[in-house]
Amino acid sequence: MSALWTVTAMADAMRAEHSGALSDNVTGISIDSRTLTPGEAYFAIKGDVHDGHDFVNAALERGASIAVIAKDQRSKFAPDAKLLIVDDVLAALVDLGKASRARFGGKVIAVTGSVGKTSTKEALLAVLGAQGETHASAASFNNHWGVPLSLARCPSSAKFAVFEIGMNHAGEIEPLVKMVRPHVAIVTTVEPVHLEFFSGIEAIADAKAEIFSGLEPNGAAVLNIDNSQFARLKKKAEARGARIVSFGANGKADARLIDVALHPTCSAVHANILGNDVTYKIAVPGKHIAMNSLAVLAAATLAGADLALSALALAQIKPAAGRGVRETLNIASGTATLIDESYNANPASMAAALNVLGRADVGARGRRIAVLGDMLELGPTGPALHRGLSEAVIANKIDLVFCCGPLMQHLWEVLPSAQKGGYAKDSAALESQMVQAVGAGDAIMVKGSLGSRMKLIVTALQKRFPGKAALDDAVV
């Protein structure tokens, strides 16, 4: 494997001291000794639960080229251990991330938004990766350690780089985007999420607008013109000297949706992107995905990618884990479809997932079943926002709803009796009800905030009815 860093360059960037017989090159960056591969550098970051210094020896035994440790932890390790020694490991990772950005000569895109950050980032990776070496944040590495880690992992040889930037408090995005320094910044949408920490949606928009503070000179802001906060975001982006590129169904949008045909497993889109008509298929269903594809194509074009090739690549994208992945479950008398949306949830993404479930194919006696866990961080508005999901349940003709958690109880109480599948205090208590309820021909969608642990339901169904990934007619 080619070198990502030389040890000398890493040490210089982090102002680190050396220890032991160090390798010349480092092939990657790791913060997890369990998944580290030989040749990578291990950073002993101190987290909320574990201190990475407790796993340094394990990382070195697994073949780490070096371990980066804090100076006050040096006495814990052998005199000849292969180490780079710094004052603070996370600060050193930030310095390495900044050094990586300084050496990078390609185009950089940053993505934020209340909904759709990861799926948009993954779509950009697929689109740009078909046209040149592309680096992107892994999983949802979008916070104070995820962003510098993603930057530090960026090869200098890449043509494009895509970074996801998240937040749940004001002031979190600005220091991250100033590391990333994007040429293009996307705000997918602004919705009432994290309301526990904000006075209202305008405050959320202001926090998202921090992404413009790191834009490179003559950079572009790609904004959702259909969103209620568009004018507010536009004003803040213009104040930073950004070029505004709008996307949406609005007739004035620079990347405009002309028509969309929504199918159970894909969508067909006709759009005009920066003055060019284009028709394409997206291998992931949902109008929200179709809308964000406009931002993907606009951003890719702004970064220098070919529009026709970009649109073609959207037929090959796949959902990220926990964000709409489909699996066929083998039931005694047939099969059922599991739609795993368990990674996270807020009112906007929940409504979008229910819309996708409402279009899912079912068998002759099949039912559309929603399994919903609490949406967290909504503050005092939480009960009302959970009750409000009943509108999407009814509008999308969901046959049965299973709810778990104290907040979802508010939805449970207002559902029509015919749609009540079951309720439990938490996901663990709901497992047995769900396993017993599934029948041949059903389509089951599982969704909730990460803290509601809805992955337990997904895992229980997979174990009870082992199957295979559902075939997607968009890519076969």
Protein backbone atom coordinates (compact mmCIF):
# COMPACT_ATOMS: atom_id res chain seq x y z
CA MET A 1 0.00 0.00 0.00
CA SER A 2 1.28 3.47 -0.85
CA ALA A 3 2.25 5.86 1.91
CA LEU A 4 -0.30 8.34 3.18
CA TRP A 5 2.31 10.16 5.27
CA THR A 6 5.99 9.94 5.99
CA VAL A 7 6.71 9.76 9.70
CA THR A 8 8.90 12.83 9.37
CA ALA A 9 6.09 14.87 7.80
CA MET A 10 3.67 13.74 10.50
CA ALA A 11 6.08 14.61 13.28
CA ASP A 12 6.76 18.03 11.77
CA ALA A 13 3.04 18.80 11.38
CA MET A 14 2.30 17.81 14.99
CA ARG A 15 5.56 19.11 16.52
CA ALA A 16 6.04 15.64 17.96
CA GLU A 17 9.00 13.99 19.68
CA HIS A 18 10.22 10.59 18.42
CA SER A 19 10.69 7.34 20.32
CA GLY A 20 11.82 3.90 19.16
CA ALA A 21 12.80 2.64 15.72
CA LEU A 22 10.19 4.28 13.53
CA SER A 23 9.07 3.12 10.11
CA ASP A 24 9.62 5.46 7.18
CA ASN A 25 5.99 5.56 6.04
CA VAL A 26 2.44 5.47 7.40
CA THR A 27 -0.30 3.91 5.26
CA GLY A 28 -3.31 5.23 7.19
CA ILE A 29 -4.68 6.80 10.36
CA SER A 30 -6.60 4.87 13.02
CA ILE A 31 -8.22 5.70 16.35
CA ASP A 32 -9.50 2.17 16.97
CA SER A 33 -7.03 -0.61 17.79
CA ARG A 34 -9.65 -3.25 16.91
CA THR A 35 -9.91 -2.25 13.26
CA LEU A 36 -6.36 -1.01 12.73
CA THR A 37 -4.48 -2.58 9.82
CA PRO A 38 -0.68 -3.02 9.72
CA GLY A 39 1.17 0.12 8.69
CA GLU A 40 -1.36 2.60 10.09
CA ALA A 41 -0.61 5.19 12.75
CA TYR A 42 -2.66 4.82 15.92
CA PHE A 43 -3.85 7.99 17.69
CA ALA A 44 -4.55 7.42 21.40
CA ILE A 45 -7.50 9.79 21.71
CA LYS A 46 -9.25 10.09 25.05
CA GLY A 47 -12.99 9.69 24.57
CA ASP A 48 -16.00 10.00 26.84
CA VAL A 49 -15.82 6.33 27.80
CA HIS A 50 -12.37 5.00 26.90
CA ASP A 51 -8.85 6.41 26.88
CA GLY A 52 -7.00 5.39 23.73
CA HIS A 53 -3.78 5.10 25.72
CA ASP A 54 -5.18 1.89 27.22
CA PHE A 55 -5.01 0.30 23.76
CA VAL A 56 -1.64 1.52 22.50
CA ASN A 57 0.14 -1.78 23.15
CA ALA A 58 -2.66 -3.68 21.39
CA ALA A 59 -2.36 -1.34 18.40
CA LEU A 60 1.40 -1.85 18.19
CA GLU A 61 0.95 -5.61 18.45
CA ARG A 62 -1.50 -5.46 15.54
CA GLY A 63 1.16 -3.84 13.40
CA ALA A 64 0.72 -0.10 13.88
CA SER A 65 3.64 1.72 12.34
CA ILE A 66 3.58 4.20 15.23
CA ALA A 67 1.35 5.30 18.08
CA VAL A 68 0.71 8.96 18.84
CA ILE A 69 0.49 9.50 22.60
CA ALA A 70 0.33 12.33 25.12
CA LYS A 71 3.54 13.37 26.85
CA ASP A 72 2.08 12.78 30.31
CA GLN A 73 1.38 9.13 29.37
CA ARG A 74 4.93 8.31 28.18
CA SER A 75 5.94 6.41 31.31
CA LYS A 76 3.30 3.72 30.60
CA PHE A 77 5.16 2.39 27.58
CA ALA A 78 8.45 0.63 26.89
CA PRO A 79 11.49 2.83 26.23
CA ASP A 80 11.80 1.43 22.70
CA ALA A 81 8.07 1.64 21.82
CA LYS A 82 7.43 3.19 18.41
CA LEU A 83 5.88 6.48 19.45
CA LEU A 84 5.29 10.07 18.44
CA ILE A 85 4.85 12.09 21.59
CA VAL A 86 2.73 15.25 21.70
CA ASP A 87 1.20 17.53 24.31
CA ASP A 88 -2.38 16.62 23.38
CA VAL A 89 -3.36 13.82 20.99
CA LEU A 90 -6.59 15.34 19.67
CA ALA A 91 -4.88 18.70 19.12
CA ALA A 92 -2.13 16.86 17.25
CA LEU A 93 -4.73 15.18 15.04
CA VAL A 94 -6.21 18.61 14.30
CA ASP A 95 -2.74 19.87 13.33
CA LEU A 96 -2.25 16.88 11.05
CA GLY A 97 -5.65 17.51 9.47
CA LYS A 98 -4.69 21.11 8.77
CA ALA A 99 -1.40 19.99 7.26
CA SER A 100 -3.28 17.55 5.05
CA ARG A 101 -5.56 20.31 3.81
CA ALA A 102 -2.57 22.58 3.17
CA ARG A 103 -0.92 20.00 0.89
CA PHE A 104 -4.12 19.07 -0.96
CA GLY A 105 -4.43 20.47 -4.47
CA GLY A 106 -7.85 19.13 -5.46
CA LYS A 107 -11.36 20.47 -5.04
CA VAL A 108 -13.07 20.25 -1.65
CA ILE A 109 -16.80 20.03 -0.94
CA ALA A 110 -18.32 20.33 2.55
CA VAL A 111 -21.84 19.15 3.39
CA THR A 112 -24.08 20.08 6.29
CA GLY A 113 -27.83 20.26 6.89
CA SER A 114 -30.51 19.04 9.28
CA VAL A 115 -31.32 16.03 7.09
CA GLY A 116 -29.45 14.19 4.34
CA LYS A 117 -25.82 15.01 5.13
CA THR A 118 -24.50 11.47 4.95
CA SER A 119 -26.55 10.34 1.96
CA THR A 120 -25.50 13.48 0.06
CA LYS A 121 -21.87 12.92 0.99
CA GLU A 122 -22.05 9.29 -0.13
CA ALA A 123 -23.71 10.29 -3.41
CA LEU A 124 -20.94 12.82 -4.05
CA LEU A 125 -18.36 10.12 -3.34
CA ALA A 126 -19.97 7.86 -5.94
CA VAL A 127 -20.39 10.63 -8.52
CA LEU A 128 -16.92 12.12 -8.17
CA GLY A 129 -15.22 8.77 -7.63
CA ALA A 130 -16.27 7.73 -11.13
CA GLN A 131 -14.26 10.67 -12.51
CA GLY A 132 -11.11 10.70 -10.43
CA GLU A 133 -9.59 9.70 -7.11
CA THR A 134 -11.99 10.90 -4.42
CA HIS A 135 -11.68 10.95 -0.65
CA ALA A 136 -14.67 11.31 1.69
CA SER A 137 -15.47 11.18 5.39
CA ALA A 138 -16.12 7.64 6.58
CA ALA A 139 -19.54 6.86 8.10
CA SER A 140 -20.75 9.99 9.94
CA PHE A 141 -17.35 11.29 11.00
CA ASN A 142 -18.55 14.88 11.18
CA ASN A 143 -17.64 16.19 14.63
CA HIS A 144 -14.64 17.60 16.53
CA TRP A 145 -12.60 14.41 16.07
CA GLY A 146 -14.27 13.02 12.93
CA VAL A 147 -13.48 16.00 10.72
CA PRO A 148 -9.74 16.24 11.54
CA LEU A 149 -9.48 12.44 11.27
CA SER A 150 -11.11 12.54 7.83
CA LEU A 151 -8.79 15.35 6.77
CA ALA A 152 -5.69 13.55 8.03
CA ARG A 153 -6.71 10.48 5.99
CA CYS A 154 -6.99 12.46 2.74
CA PRO A 155 -4.37 11.39 0.16
CA SER A 156 -2.53 14.24 -1.46
CA SER A 157 -3.04 12.50 -4.80
CA ALA A 158 -6.86 12.77 -4.72
CA LYS A 159 -8.67 14.96 -7.22
CA PHE A 160 -11.73 15.55 -5.03
CA ALA A 161 -12.48 15.45 -1.30
CA VAL A 162 -15.88 15.51 0.40
CA PHE A 163 -16.38 16.21 4.10
CA GLU A 164 -19.52 15.97 6.21
CA ILE A 165 -19.85 18.56 8.98
CA GLY A 166 -22.41 18.19 11.75
CA MET A 167 -23.51 20.00 14.86
CA ASN A 168 -26.09 20.10 17.63
CA HIS A 169 -24.95 23.35 19.25
CA ALA A 170 -24.10 26.78 17.89
CA GLY A 171 -20.40 27.36 17.31
CA GLU A 172 -19.51 23.77 16.41
CA ILE A 173 -19.34 24.09 12.62
CA GLU A 174 -17.09 27.14 12.31
CA PRO A 175 -13.85 25.65 13.68
CA LEU A 176 -14.41 22.48 11.64
CA VAL A 177 -15.08 24.21 8.33
CA LYS A 178 -12.06 26.45 8.84
CA MET A 179 -9.99 23.25 8.83
CA VAL A 180 -11.74 21.91 5.72
CA ARG A 181 -11.71 25.18 3.72
CA PRO A 182 -14.14 23.98 1.03
CA HIS A 183 -14.52 25.36 -2.47
CA VAL A 184 -18.20 24.37 -2.37
CA ALA A 185 -20.44 24.22 0.72
CA ILE A 186 -23.83 22.47 0.64
CA VAL A 187 -26.64 23.05 3.14
CA THR A 188 -29.17 20.32 2.33
CA THR A 189 -31.99 21.80 4.42
CA VAL A 190 -32.77 23.40 7.76
CA GLU A 191 -35.40 21.64 9.87
CA PRO A 192 -36.57 21.71 13.51
CA VAL A 193 -33.98 19.32 14.95
CA HIS A 194 -31.81 19.66 18.07
CA LEU A 195 -34.48 22.04 19.37
CA GLU A 196 -33.40 21.17 22.88
CA PHE A 197 -30.34 23.34 22.24
CA PHE A 198 -31.82 26.13 20.07
CA SER A 199 -34.42 28.85 20.48
CA GLY A 200 -36.01 28.06 17.11
CA ILE A 201 -35.41 27.17 13.49
CA GLU A 202 -33.81 30.55 12.73
CA ALA A 203 -31.13 29.83 15.32
CA ILE A 204 -30.53 26.45 13.69
CA ALA A 205 -30.15 28.18 10.32
CA ASP A 206 -27.60 30.57 11.81
CA ALA A 207 -25.61 27.63 13.17
CA LYS A 208 -25.68 25.88 9.79
CA ALA A 209 -24.59 29.14 8.14
CA GLU A 210 -21.27 28.88 9.99
CA ILE A 211 -20.21 26.61 7.13
CA PHE A 212 -19.76 29.69 4.94
CA SER A 213 -17.07 31.04 7.28
CA GLY A 214 -14.54 28.56 5.91
CA LEU A 215 -15.26 28.90 2.20
CA GLU A 216 -12.27 29.49 -0.03
CA PRO A 217 -12.23 32.80 -1.95
CA ASN A 218 -14.78 32.73 -4.79
CA GLY A 219 -16.36 29.65 -3.25
CA ALA A 220 -19.96 28.59 -3.83
CA ALA A 221 -22.83 27.97 -1.42
CA VAL A 222 -25.36 25.39 -2.66
CA LEU A 223 -28.66 26.11 -0.91
CA ASN A 224 -32.18 24.65 -0.89
CA ILE A 225 -34.42 27.36 -2.38
CA ASP A 226 -37.57 25.51 -1.26
CA ASN A 227 -36.55 25.66 2.40
CA SER A 228 -38.06 28.29 4.71
CA GLN A 229 -34.57 29.46 5.72
CA PHE A 230 -33.21 30.00 2.21
CA ALA A 231 -33.26 33.81 2.33
CA ARG A 232 -31.54 33.81 5.73
CA LEU A 233 -28.82 31.42 4.55
CA LYS A 234 -28.39 33.28 1.26
CA LYS A 235 -27.81 36.58 3.06
CA LYS A 236 -25.20 35.04 5.35
CA ALA A 237 -23.43 33.30 2.47
CA GLU A 238 -23.34 36.49 0.41
CA ALA A 239 -21.85 38.32 3.38
CA ARG A 240 -18.93 35.88 3.12
CA GLY A 241 -18.54 36.59 -0.61
CA ALA A 242 -19.99 33.27 -1.74
CA ARG A 243 -21.54 32.58 -5.10
CA ILE A 244 -25.12 31.39 -4.46
CA VAL A 245 -26.28 28.29 -6.32
CA SER A 246 -29.84 27.31 -5.45
CA PHE A 247 -31.52 23.92 -5.88
CA GLY A 248 -35.12 22.77 -5.60
CA ALA A 249 -38.46 22.65 -7.39
CA ASN A 250 -38.81 26.44 -7.43
CA GLY A 251 -38.76 27.78 -10.99
CA LYS A 252 -35.92 30.16 -10.10
CA ALA A 253 -33.59 27.40 -8.86
CA ASP A 254 -30.18 27.11 -10.53
CA ALA A 255 -30.46 23.32 -10.17
CA ARG A 256 -34.17 22.81 -10.79
CA LEU A 257 -36.36 19.76 -10.49
CA ILE A 258 -38.58 19.59 -13.57
CA ASP A 259 -40.19 16.20 -12.93
CA VAL A 260 -39.69 13.13 -10.77
CA ALA A 261 -41.21 9.65 -11.02
CA LEU A 262 -41.05 7.90 -7.65
CA HIS A 263 -40.83 4.11 -7.70
CA PRO A 264 -40.61 1.56 -4.85
CA THR A 265 -36.85 1.12 -5.16
CA CYS A 266 -35.63 4.02 -7.30
CA SER A 267 -36.54 7.42 -8.73
CA ALA A 268 -36.37 8.84 -12.26
CA VAL A 269 -35.56 12.54 -12.44
CA HIS A 270 -35.72 15.24 -15.09
CA ALA A 271 -33.84 18.36 -14.03
CA ASN A 272 -32.03 21.41 -15.26
CA ILE A 273 -28.59 21.75 -13.67
CA LEU A 274 -26.91 25.11 -14.17
CA GLY A 275 -28.62 25.57 -17.52
CA ASN A 276 -28.27 21.99 -18.76
CA ASP A 277 -31.22 19.61 -19.09
CA VAL A 278 -30.50 16.13 -17.76
CA THR A 279 -32.55 12.98 -17.15
CA TYR A 280 -31.25 10.32 -14.77
CA LYS A 281 -32.15 7.46 -12.47
CA ILE A 282 -31.29 7.30 -8.75
CA ALA A 283 -30.83 3.86 -7.24
CA VAL A 284 -32.31 4.94 -3.89
CA PRO A 285 -36.03 5.76 -3.54
CA GLY A 286 -37.63 8.89 -2.10
CA LYS A 287 -38.39 12.43 -3.16
CA HIS A 288 -35.99 13.76 -0.53
CA ILE A 289 -33.18 11.81 -2.21
CA ALA A 290 -34.22 13.16 -5.60
CA MET A 291 -34.17 16.72 -4.27
CA ASN A 292 -30.71 16.32 -2.75
CA SER A 293 -29.44 14.82 -6.00
CA LEU A 294 -29.85 18.30 -7.49
CA ALA A 295 -27.37 19.63 -4.93
CA VAL A 296 -25.03 16.71 -5.65
CA LEU A 297 -24.98 17.40 -9.39
CA ALA A 298 -24.62 21.15 -8.91
CA ALA A 299 -21.74 20.76 -6.46
CA ALA A 300 -19.98 18.17 -8.59
CA THR A 301 -20.24 20.43 -11.64
CA LEU A 302 -18.92 23.39 -9.67
CA ALA A 303 -15.98 21.22 -8.61
CA GLY A 304 -15.14 20.52 -12.25
CA ALA A 305 -16.80 17.13 -12.79
CA ASP A 306 -18.62 16.24 -16.00
CA LEU A 307 -22.39 16.62 -15.53
CA ALA A 308 -23.44 13.76 -17.83
CA LEU A 309 -21.08 11.28 -16.14
CA SER A 310 -22.19 12.52 -12.71
CA ALA A 311 -25.85 11.95 -13.52
CA LEU A 312 -25.08 8.48 -14.87
CA ALA A 313 -23.29 7.52 -11.65
CA LEU A 314 -26.40 8.18 -9.55
CA ALA A 315 -27.89 4.96 -10.92
CA GLN A 316 -25.24 3.05 -8.97
CA ILE A 317 -25.40 4.64 -5.51
CA LYS A 318 -26.33 2.62 -2.46
CA PRO A 319 -27.73 3.79 0.88
CA ALA A 320 -25.38 3.99 3.85
CA ALA A 321 -25.81 1.57 6.76
CA GLY A 322 -28.93 2.33 8.78
CA ARG A 323 -30.17 4.81 6.19
CA GLY A 324 -32.53 2.84 4.00
CA VAL A 325 -30.62 -0.38 3.35
CA ARG A 326 -33.05 -3.09 2.19
CA GLU A 327 -32.87 -6.76 3.05
CA THR A 328 -35.04 -9.71 2.15
CA LEU A 329 -36.20 -11.70 5.17
CA ASN A 330 -37.03 -15.36 4.71
CA ILE A 331 -40.39 -16.03 6.37
CA ALA A 332 -41.79 -19.57 6.69
CA SER A 333 -44.41 -18.97 4.01
CA GLY A 334 -42.46 -16.56 1.80
CA THR A 335 -40.37 -13.42 2.15
CA ALA A 336 -40.64 -9.92 3.64
CA THR A 337 -38.65 -6.74 3.04
CA LEU A 338 -36.77 -5.01 5.85
CA ILE A 339 -35.90 -1.32 5.38
CA ASP A 340 -33.24 -0.36 7.92
CA GLU A 341 -33.51 3.35 8.79
CA SER A 342 -32.28 2.77 12.35
CA TYR A 343 -29.28 5.10 12.36
CA ASN A 344 -31.07 8.31 13.33
CA ALA A 345 -34.32 10.26 13.11
CA ASN A 346 -35.90 13.69 13.29
CA PRO A 347 -39.35 14.88 12.16
CA ALA A 348 -38.27 15.61 8.59
CA SER A 349 -36.38 12.36 8.04
CA MET A 350 -39.15 10.38 9.73
CA ALA A 351 -41.75 11.83 7.36
CA ALA A 352 -39.48 11.05 4.39
CA ALA A 353 -38.97 7.44 5.54
CA LEU A 354 -42.72 6.95 5.98
CA ASN A 355 -43.21 8.25 2.44
CA VAL A 356 -40.72 5.69 1.12
CA LEU A 357 -42.46 2.93 3.10
CA GLY A 358 -45.78 4.03 1.65
CA ARG A 359 -44.43 3.31 -1.84
CA ALA A 360 -42.74 0.02 -0.97
CA ASP A 361 -43.90 -3.13 -2.75
CA VAL A 362 -45.81 -5.65 -0.64
CA GLY A 363 -47.09 -9.15 -1.35
CA ALA A 364 -50.69 -10.23 -1.84
CA ARG A 365 -51.37 -10.24 1.90
CA GLY A 366 -48.47 -8.01 2.83
CA ARG A 367 -48.65 -4.95 5.03
CA ARG A 368 -46.58 -1.81 5.32
CA ILE A 369 -45.31 -1.78 8.90
CA ALA A 370 -43.52 1.13 10.59
CA VAL A 371 -41.47 0.42 13.71
CA LEU A 372 -40.68 3.76 15.31
CA GLY A 373 -38.49 4.79 18.24
CA ASP A 374 -38.15 8.15 19.96
CA MET A 375 -36.81 11.19 18.11
CA LEU A 376 -34.46 12.83 20.60
CA GLU A 377 -33.15 16.37 21.28
CA LEU A 378 -36.46 18.05 20.40
CA GLY A 379 -36.91 19.82 23.74
CA PRO A 380 -40.39 20.91 24.85
CA THR A 381 -41.73 20.45 21.30
CA GLY A 382 -41.01 16.72 21.41
CA PRO A 383 -44.48 15.43 22.37
CA ALA A 384 -46.26 17.55 19.74
CA LEU A 385 -43.77 16.60 17.00
CA HIS A 386 -44.26 12.92 17.78
CA ARG A 387 -48.03 13.27 17.69
CA GLY A 388 -47.71 15.09 14.40
CA LEU A 389 -46.24 12.02 12.72
CA SER A 390 -49.77 10.60 12.60
CA GLU A 391 -50.41 12.76 9.54
CA ALA A 392 -47.58 11.09 7.59
CA VAL A 393 -48.67 7.65 8.82
CA ILE A 394 -52.20 8.20 7.52
CA ALA A 395 -51.17 9.99 4.32
CA ASN A 396 -48.85 7.14 3.32
CA LYS A 397 -51.39 4.44 4.14
CA ILE A 398 -49.18 2.67 6.65
CA ASP A 399 -51.02 -0.47 7.77
CA LEU A 400 -49.47 -1.02 11.19
CA VAL A 401 -47.31 1.07 13.51
CA PHE A 402 -45.22 -0.29 16.37
CA CYS A 403 -43.92 2.34 18.77
CA CYS A 404 -41.38 2.31 21.59
CA GLY A 405 -40.17 4.94 24.01
CA PRO A 406 -41.82 7.62 26.15
CA LEU A 407 -41.97 10.16 23.32
CA MET A 408 -43.40 7.74 20.77
CA GLN A 409 -46.17 7.04 23.22
CA HIS A 410 -47.60 10.40 22.18
CA LEU A 411 -47.92 9.11 18.60
CA TRP A 412 -49.29 5.79 19.80
CA GLU A 413 -52.09 7.51 21.70
CA VAL A 414 -53.42 9.38 18.63
CA LEU A 415 -53.14 6.60 16.05
CA PRO A 416 -56.37 5.09 14.73
CA SER A 417 -56.96 1.77 16.47
CA ALA A 418 -56.73 -0.16 13.20
CA GLN A 419 -53.15 1.03 12.73
CA LYS A 420 -51.93 0.21 16.23
CA GLY A 421 -49.52 -2.71 16.02
CA GLY A 422 -47.93 -2.59 19.45
CA TYR A 423 -46.20 -0.39 22.01
CA ALA A 424 -43.33 -0.98 24.43
CA LYS A 425 -41.27 1.19 26.75
CA ASP A 426 -38.05 0.59 24.78
CA SER A 427 -36.70 -1.26 21.75
CA ALA A 428 -35.59 -4.31 23.74
CA ALA A 429 -39.11 -4.77 25.08
CA LEU A 430 -40.55 -4.46 21.56
CA GLU A 431 -38.38 -7.19 20.02
CA SER A 432 -40.64 -10.16 20.69
CA GLN A 433 -43.76 -8.32 19.48
CA MET A 434 -42.07 -7.49 16.19
CA VAL A 435 -40.69 -10.96 15.56
CA GLN A 436 -44.16 -12.44 16.08
CA ALA A 437 -45.88 -9.82 13.91
CA VAL A 438 -43.92 -10.24 10.67
CA GLY A 439 -45.63 -12.11 7.86
CA ALA A 440 -44.96 -13.03 4.26
CA GLY A 441 -45.24 -10.10 1.86
CA ASP A 442 -44.73 -7.43 4.54
CA ALA A 443 -42.49 -4.36 4.17
CA ILE A 444 -41.09 -3.31 7.55
CA MET A 445 -39.33 0.02 8.10
CA VAL A 446 -37.43 0.54 11.38
CA LYS A 447 -36.43 4.07 12.40
CA GLY A 448 -35.56 6.14 15.46
CA SER A 449 -32.84 8.34 16.92
CA LEU A 450 -29.58 6.55 17.61
CA GLY A 451 -30.22 6.77 21.35
CA SER A 452 -33.48 4.87 20.99
CA ARG A 453 -31.46 1.79 19.93
CA MET A 454 -33.72 0.71 17.08
CA LYS A 455 -30.86 -1.32 15.61
CA LEU A 456 -31.85 -3.96 18.19
CA ILE A 457 -35.09 -4.51 16.29
CA VAL A 458 -33.24 -4.77 12.98
CA THR A 459 -30.80 -7.29 14.43
CA ALA A 460 -33.60 -9.35 15.99
CA LEU A 461 -35.44 -9.59 12.66
CA GLN A 462 -32.24 -10.51 10.81
CA LYS A 463 -31.48 -13.29 13.29
CA ARG A 464 -35.01 -14.69 13.29
CA PHE A 465 -35.48 -14.47 9.52
CA PRO A 466 -32.01 -14.63 7.94
CA GLY A 467 -32.16 -13.45 4.35
CA LYS A 468 -30.19 -11.44 1.85
CA ALA A 469 -29.87 -7.89 0.55
CA ALA A 470 -32.96 -7.04 -1.47
CA LEU A 471 -32.40 -6.74 -5.19
CA ASP A 472 -32.79 -3.19 -6.42
CA ASP A 473 -34.38 -2.91 -9.86
CA ALA A 474 -32.56 0.39 -10.34
CA VAL A 475 -29.19 -1.31 -10.70
CA VAL A 476 -29.94 -4.75 -12.21
